[in-house]
PDB file of N, CA and C in Angstrom:
ATOM      1  N   MET A   1     188.334 125.605  66.342  1.00  0.00           N
ATOM      2  CA  MET A   1     188.493 126.834  67.071  1.00  0.00           C
ATOM      3  C   MET A   1     189.955 127.269  67.035  1.00  0.00           C
ATOM      4  N   GLY A   2     190.160 128.536  67.018  1.00  0.00           N
ATOM      5  CA  GLY A   2     191.506 129.080  67.009  1.00  0.00           C
ATOM      6  C   GLY A   2     192.059 129.243  68.412  1.00  0.00           C
ATOM      7  N   THR A   3     193.308 129.522  68.479  1.00  0.00           N
ATOM      8  CA  THR A   3     193.943 129.743  69.774  1.00  0.00           C
ATOM      9  C   THR A   3     194.270 131.213  69.924  1.00  0.00           C
ATOM     10  N   CYS A   4     194.454 131.597  71.145  1.00  0.00           N
ATOM     11  CA  CYS A   4     194.764 132.995  71.458  1.00  0.00           C
ATOM     12  C   CYS A   4     196.092 133.047  72.197  1.00  0.00           C
ATOM     13  N   LYS A   5     196.974 133.923  71.778  1.00  0.00           N
ATOM     14  CA  LYS A   5     198.286 134.019  72.398  1.00  0.00           C
ATOM     15  C   LYS A   5     198.350 135.126  73.451  1.00  0.00           C
ATOM     16  N   ILE A   6     197.231 135.699  73.779  1.00  0.00           N
ATOM     17  CA  ILE A   6     197.195 136.749  74.785  1.00  0.00           C
ATOM     18  C   ILE A   6     196.957 136.113  76.150  1.00  0.00           C
ATOM     19  N   ASP A   7     197.775 136.491  77.121  1.00  0.00           N
ATOM     20  CA  ASP A   7     197.627 135.960  78.476  1.00  0.00           C
ATOM     21  C   ASP A   7     196.708 136.891  79.265  1.00  0.00           C
ATOM     22  N   PHE A   8     195.458 136.495  79.379  1.00  0.00           N
ATOM     23  CA  PHE A   8     194.485 137.337  80.069  1.00  0.00           C
ATOM     24  C   PHE A   8     194.629 137.273  81.589  1.00  0.00           C
ATOM     25  N   SER A   9     195.294 136.262  82.093  1.00  0.00           N
ATOM     26  CA  SER A   9     195.444 136.128  83.537  1.00  0.00           C
ATOM     27  C   SER A   9     196.809 136.614  84.023  1.00  0.00           C
ATOM     28  N   GLY A  10     197.531 137.320  83.199  1.00  0.00           N
ATOM     29  CA  GLY A  10     198.862 137.803  83.561  1.00  0.00           C
ATOM     30  C   GLY A  10     198.859 138.755  84.740  1.00  0.00           C
ATOM     31  N   LYS A  11     197.902 139.692  84.762  1.00  0.00           N
ATOM     32  CA  LYS A  11     197.825 140.637  85.879  1.00  0.00           C
ATOM     33  C   LYS A  11     197.512 139.916  87.175  1.00  0.00           C
ATOM     34  N   GLN A  12     196.592 138.957  87.104  1.00  0.00           N
ATOM     35  CA  GLN A  12     196.210 138.213  88.303  1.00  0.00           C
ATOM     36  C   GLN A  12     197.405 137.426  88.843  1.00  0.00           C
ATOM     37  N   LYS A  13     198.175 136.818  87.959  1.00  0.00           N
ATOM     38  CA  LYS A  13     199.355 136.069  88.388  1.00  0.00           C
ATOM     39  C   LYS A  13     200.364 136.991  89.060  1.00  0.00           C
ATOM     40  N   LYS A  14     200.554 138.176  88.493  1.00  0.00           N
ATOM     41  CA  LYS A  14     201.509 139.121  89.064  1.00  0.00           C
ATOM     42  C   LYS A  14     201.060 139.569  90.451  1.00  0.00           C
ATOM     43  N   ILE A  15     199.776 139.846  90.619  1.00  0.00           N
ATOM     44  CA  ILE A  15     199.255 140.261  91.928  1.00  0.00           C
ATOM     45  C   ILE A  15     199.381 139.118  92.925  1.00  0.00           C
ATOM     46  N   ASP A  16     199.080 137.895  92.492  1.00  0.00           N
ATOM     47  CA  ASP A  16     199.188 136.743  93.387  1.00  0.00           C
ATOM     48  C   ASP A  16     200.628 136.501  93.834  1.00  0.00           C
ATOM     49  N   GLU A  17     201.579 136.763  92.948  1.00  0.00           N
ATOM     50  CA  GLU A  17     202.990 136.595  93.300  1.00  0.00           C
ATOM     51  C   GLU A  17     203.480 137.725  94.201  1.00  0.00           C
ATOM     52  N   THR A  18     202.995 138.930  93.978  1.00  0.00           N
ATOM     53  CA  THR A  18     203.427 140.079  94.762  1.00  0.00           C
ATOM     54  C   THR A  18     202.801 140.087  96.149  1.00  0.00           C
ATOM     55  N   TYR A  19     201.545 139.680  96.241  1.00  0.00           N
ATOM     56  CA  TYR A  19     200.805 139.712  97.505  1.00  0.00           C
ATOM     57  C   TYR A  19     200.238 138.328  97.836  1.00  0.00           C
ATOM     58  N   PRO A  20     201.107 137.355  98.168  1.00  0.00           N
ATOM     59  CA  PRO A  20     200.570 136.038  98.544  1.00  0.00           C
ATOM     60  C   PRO A  20     199.923 136.127  99.934  1.00  0.00           C
ATOM     61  N   LEU A  21     198.617 136.076  99.975  1.00  0.00           N
ATOM     62  CA  LEU A  21     197.895 136.311 101.218  1.00  0.00           C
ATOM     63  C   LEU A  21     197.976 135.144 102.188  1.00  0.00           C
ATOM     64  N   ASP A  22     198.551 134.032 101.775  1.00  0.00           N
ATOM     65  CA  ASP A  22     198.722 132.912 102.682  1.00  0.00           C
ATOM     66  C   ASP A  22     200.082 132.932 103.378  1.00  0.00           C
ATOM     67  N   LYS A  23     200.863 133.983 103.111  1.00  0.00           N
ATOM     68  CA  LYS A  23     202.190 134.119 103.720  1.00  0.00           C
ATOM     69  C   LYS A  23     202.301 135.475 104.405  1.00  0.00           C
ATOM     70  N   GLU A  24     203.112 135.512 105.433  1.00  0.00           N
ATOM     71  CA  GLU A  24     203.273 136.737 106.219  1.00  0.00           C
ATOM     72  C   GLU A  24     203.818 137.883 105.373  1.00  0.00           C
ATOM     73  N   ARG A  25     204.768 137.588 104.502  1.00  0.00           N
ATOM     74  CA  ARG A  25     205.358 138.650 103.678  1.00  0.00           C
ATOM     75  C   ARG A  25     204.338 139.255 102.719  1.00  0.00           C
ATOM     76  N   GLY A  26     203.376 138.455 102.282  1.00  0.00           N
ATOM     77  CA  GLY A  26     202.328 138.953 101.400  1.00  0.00           C
ATOM     78  C   GLY A  26     201.406 139.935 102.097  1.00  0.00           C
ATOM     79  N   ILE A  27     201.086 139.642 103.365  1.00  0.00           N
ATOM     80  CA  ILE A  27     200.241 140.550 104.142  1.00  0.00           C
ATOM     81  C   ILE A  27     200.972 141.863 104.381  1.00  0.00           C
ATOM     82  N   TYR A  28     202.254 141.770 104.743  1.00  0.00           N
ATOM     83  CA  TYR A  28     203.032 142.996 104.945  1.00  0.00           C
ATOM     84  C   TYR A  28     203.112 143.821 103.659  1.00  0.00           C
ATOM     85  N   ALA A  29     203.316 143.149 102.534  1.00  0.00           N
ATOM     86  CA  ALA A  29     203.385 143.847 101.253  1.00  0.00           C
ATOM     87  C   ALA A  29     202.055 144.523 100.933  1.00  0.00           C
ATOM     88  N   LEU A  30     200.954 143.834 101.216  1.00  0.00           N
ATOM     89  CA  LEU A  30     199.630 144.410 100.965  1.00  0.00           C
ATOM     90  C   LEU A  30     199.399 145.633 101.837  1.00  0.00           C
ATOM     91  N   LEU A  31     199.726 145.521 103.119  1.00  0.00           N
ATOM     92  CA  LEU A  31     199.519 146.654 104.020  1.00  0.00           C
ATOM     93  C   LEU A  31     200.415 147.844 103.665  1.00  0.00           C
ATOM     94  N   ALA A  32     201.622 147.554 103.186  1.00  0.00           N
ATOM     95  CA  ALA A  32     202.541 148.629 102.805  1.00  0.00           C
ATOM     96  C   ALA A  32     202.103 149.331 101.528  1.00  0.00           C
ATOM     97  N   ASN A  33     201.381 148.620 100.657  1.00  0.00           N
ATOM     98  CA  ASN A  33     201.019 149.167  99.349  1.00  0.00           C
ATOM     99  C   ASN A  33     199.521 149.324  99.140  1.00  0.00           C
ATOM    100  N   VAL A  34     198.752 149.349 100.212  1.00  0.00           N
ATOM    101  CA  VAL A  34     197.297 149.416 100.068  1.00  0.00           C
ATOM    102  C   VAL A  34     196.872 150.696  99.334  1.00  0.00           C
ATOM    103  N   HIS A  35     197.570 151.778  99.551  1.00  0.00           N
ATOM    104  CA  HIS A  35     197.218 153.034  98.863  1.00  0.00           C
ATOM    105  C   HIS A  35     197.519 152.939  97.368  1.00  0.00           C
ATOM    106  N   LYS A  36     198.609 152.270  97.034  1.00  0.00           N
ATOM    107  CA  LYS A  36     198.961 152.067  95.618  1.00  0.00           C
ATOM    108  C   LYS A  36     197.897 151.206  94.932  1.00  0.00           C
ATOM    109  N   LEU A  37     197.441 150.159  95.613  1.00  0.00           N
ATOM    110  CA  LEU A  37     196.410 149.297  95.040  1.00  0.00           C
ATOM    111  C   LEU A  37     195.100 150.052  94.849  1.00  0.00           C
ATOM    112  N   ARG A  38     194.755 150.891  95.805  1.00  0.00           N
ATOM    113  CA  ARG A  38     193.534 151.701  95.671  1.00  0.00           C
ATOM    114  C   ARG A  38     193.635 152.649  94.489  1.00  0.00           C
ATOM    115  N   GLU A  39     194.806 153.197  94.276  1.00  0.00           N
ATOM    116  CA  GLU A  39     195.026 154.091  93.136  1.00  0.00           C
ATOM    117  C   GLU A  39     194.918 153.328  91.810  1.00  0.00           C
ATOM    118  N   MET A  40     195.446 152.104  91.789  1.00  0.00           N
ATOM    119  CA  MET A  40     195.423 151.306  90.564  1.00  0.00           C
ATOM    120  C   MET A  40     193.991 150.986  90.127  1.00  0.00           C
ATOM    121  N   ARG A  41     193.074 150.873  91.082  1.00  0.00           N
ATOM    122  CA  ARG A  41     191.683 150.577  90.727  1.00  0.00           C
ATOM    123  C   ARG A  41     191.106 151.650  89.822  1.00  0.00           C
ATOM    124  N   PHE A  42     191.428 152.890  90.111  1.00  0.00           N
ATOM    125  CA  PHE A  42     190.819 154.005  89.380  1.00  0.00           C
ATOM    126  C   PHE A  42     191.672 154.501  88.220  1.00  0.00           C
ATOM    127  N   SER A  43     192.981 154.593  88.423  1.00  0.00           N
ATOM    128  CA  SER A  43     193.823 155.134  87.359  1.00  0.00           C
ATOM    129  C   SER A  43     194.007 154.151  86.207  1.00  0.00           C
ATOM    130  N   ARG A  44     194.052 152.859  86.505  1.00  0.00           N
ATOM    131  CA  ARG A  44     194.267 151.857  85.463  1.00  0.00           C
ATOM    132  C   ARG A  44     193.041 150.985  85.203  1.00  0.00           C
ATOM    133  N   GLY A  45     192.029 151.130  86.036  1.00  0.00           N
ATOM    134  CA  GLY A  45     190.859 150.266  85.904  1.00  0.00           C
ATOM    135  C   GLY A  45     191.207 148.816  86.182  1.00  0.00           C
ATOM    136  N   ASP A  46     192.057 148.597  87.171  1.00  0.00           N
ATOM    137  CA  ASP A  46     192.586 147.277  87.474  1.00  0.00           C
ATOM    138  C   ASP A  46     191.606 146.485  88.336  1.00  0.00           C
ATOM    139  N   TYR A  47     190.907 145.530  87.698  1.00  0.00           N
ATOM    140  CA  TYR A  47     189.923 144.715  88.410  1.00  0.00           C
ATOM    141  C   TYR A  47     190.587 143.758  89.396  1.00  0.00           C
ATOM    142  N   ASP A  48     191.791 143.301  89.085  1.00  0.00           N
ATOM    143  CA  ASP A  48     192.482 142.375  89.973  1.00  0.00           C
ATOM    144  C   ASP A  48     192.850 143.052  91.295  1.00  0.00           C
ATOM    145  N   ALA A  49     193.290 144.300  91.225  1.00  0.00           N
ATOM    146  CA  ALA A  49     193.577 145.050  92.450  1.00  0.00           C
ATOM    147  C   ALA A  49     192.295 145.266  93.231  1.00  0.00           C
ATOM    148  N   SER A  50     191.216 145.515  92.538  1.00  0.00           N
ATOM    149  CA  SER A  50     189.924 145.706  93.181  1.00  0.00           C
ATOM    150  C   SER A  50     189.478 144.424  93.891  1.00  0.00           C
ATOM    151  N   ASN A  51     189.624 143.286  93.238  1.00  0.00           N
ATOM    152  CA  ASN A  51     189.266 142.010  93.851  1.00  0.00           C
ATOM    153  C   ASN A  51     190.113 141.726  95.089  1.00  0.00           C
ATOM    154  N   LEU A  52     191.397 142.031  95.011  1.00  0.00           N
ATOM    155  CA  LEU A  52     192.290 141.814  96.146  1.00  0.00           C
ATOM    156  C   LEU A  52     191.860 142.674  97.334  1.00  0.00           C
ATOM    157  N   LEU A  53     191.535 143.929  97.083  1.00  0.00           N
ATOM    158  CA  LEU A  53     191.108 144.812  98.170  1.00  0.00           C
ATOM    159  C   LEU A  53     189.758 144.400  98.751  1.00  0.00           C
ATOM    160  N   ILE A  54     188.861 143.917  97.917  1.00  0.00           N
ATOM    161  CA  ILE A  54     187.565 143.432  98.414  1.00  0.00           C
ATOM    162  C   ILE A  54     187.769 142.219  99.308  1.00  0.00           C
ATOM    163  N   ASP A  55     188.611 141.289  98.881  1.00  0.00           N
ATOM    164  CA  ASP A  55     188.898 140.104  99.698  1.00  0.00           C
ATOM    165  C   ASP A  55     189.553 140.497 101.021  1.00  0.00           C
ATOM    166  N   PHE A  56     190.463 141.437 100.969  1.00  0.00           N
ATOM    167  CA  PHE A  56     191.144 141.894 102.179  1.00  0.00           C
ATOM    168  C   PHE A  56     190.161 142.561 103.135  1.00  0.00           C
ATOM    169  N   THR A  57     189.281 143.401 102.626  1.00  0.00           N
ATOM    170  CA  THR A  57     188.287 144.075 103.458  1.00  0.00           C
ATOM    171  C   THR A  57     187.344 143.062 104.097  1.00  0.00           C
ATOM    172  N   ASP A  58     186.916 142.084 103.334  1.00  0.00           N
ATOM    173  CA  ASP A  58     186.048 141.029 103.878  1.00  0.00           C
ATOM    174  C   ASP A  58     186.749 140.246 104.987  1.00  0.00           C
ATOM    175  N   ALA A  59     188.032 139.947 104.797  1.00  0.00           N
ATOM    176  CA  ALA A  59     188.786 139.198 105.802  1.00  0.00           C
ATOM    177  C   ALA A  59     188.927 139.995 107.094  1.00  0.00           C
ATOM    178  N   VAL A  60     189.156 141.300 106.976  1.00  0.00           N
ATOM    179  CA  VAL A  60     189.281 142.146 108.162  1.00  0.00           C
ATOM    180  C   VAL A  60     187.954 142.211 108.910  1.00  0.00           C
ATOM    181  N   GLU A  61     186.855 142.320 108.182  1.00  0.00           N
ATOM    182  CA  GLU A  61     185.537 142.370 108.819  1.00  0.00           C
ATOM    183  C   GLU A  61     185.202 141.056 109.515  1.00  0.00           C
ATOM    184  N   GLU A  62     185.541 139.933 108.893  1.00  0.00           N
ATOM    185  CA  GLU A  62     185.249 138.629 109.468  1.00  0.00           C
ATOM    186  C   GLU A  62     186.152 138.292 110.651  1.00  0.00           C
ATOM    187  N   ALA A  63     187.300 138.957 110.755  1.00  0.00           N
ATOM    188  CA  ALA A  63     188.243 138.659 111.836  1.00  0.00           C
ATOM    189  C   ALA A  63     187.739 139.146 113.187  1.00  0.00           C
ATOM    190  N   GLY A  64     186.771 140.050 113.201  1.00  0.00           N
ATOM    191  CA  GLY A  64     186.239 140.554 114.458  1.00  0.00           C
ATOM    192  C   GLY A  64     187.238 141.399 115.230  1.00  0.00           C
ATOM    193  N   LEU A  65     187.961 142.230 114.533  1.00  0.00           N
ATOM    194  CA  LEU A  65     188.968 143.077 115.163  1.00  0.00           C
ATOM    195  C   LEU A  65     188.329 144.275 115.858  1.00  0.00           C
ATOM    196  N   THR A  66     189.046 144.789 116.847  1.00  0.00           N
ATOM    197  CA  THR A  66     188.577 146.014 117.500  1.00  0.00           C
ATOM    198  C   THR A  66     188.886 147.189 116.558  1.00  0.00           C
ATOM    199  N   ALA A  67     188.338 148.338 116.890  1.00  0.00           N
ATOM    200  CA  ALA A  67     188.576 149.526 116.050  1.00  0.00           C
ATOM    201  C   ALA A  67     190.057 149.862 115.989  1.00  0.00           C
ATOM    202  N   ARG A  68     190.731 149.727 117.090  1.00  0.00           N
ATOM    203  CA  ARG A  68     192.168 150.014 117.141  1.00  0.00           C
ATOM    204  C   ARG A  68     192.951 149.027 116.256  1.00  0.00           C
ATOM    205  N   GLN A  69     192.602 147.759 116.321  1.00  0.00           N
ATOM    206  CA  GLN A  69     193.289 146.756 115.519  1.00  0.00           C
ATOM    207  C   GLN A  69     193.034 146.974 114.029  1.00  0.00           C
ATOM    208  N   ARG A  70     191.845 147.405 113.666  1.00  0.00           N
ATOM    209  CA  ARG A  70     191.547 147.677 112.258  1.00  0.00           C
ATOM    210  C   ARG A  70     192.395 148.811 111.722  1.00  0.00           C
ATOM    211  N   LEU A  71     192.659 149.806 112.539  1.00  0.00           N
ATOM    212  CA  LEU A  71     193.518 150.919 112.098  1.00  0.00           C
ATOM    213  C   LEU A  71     194.908 150.417 111.825  1.00  0.00           C
TER     214      LEU A  71
END
């Protein structure tokens, strides 16, 4: 079998480094750039941004926040 020199997980690594969800700064970065991530889903077809937003939405729903806290 041959090898491939293309890094298919490069986008995922960049998103994980920019928005580390296990750290406070990552959550702040995500909340500050949520509109940019939503735009990236459609303008670039970025599946990694889509996965990040799905995970974030699921976490907010599971947290049992009030309507005010969700805003």
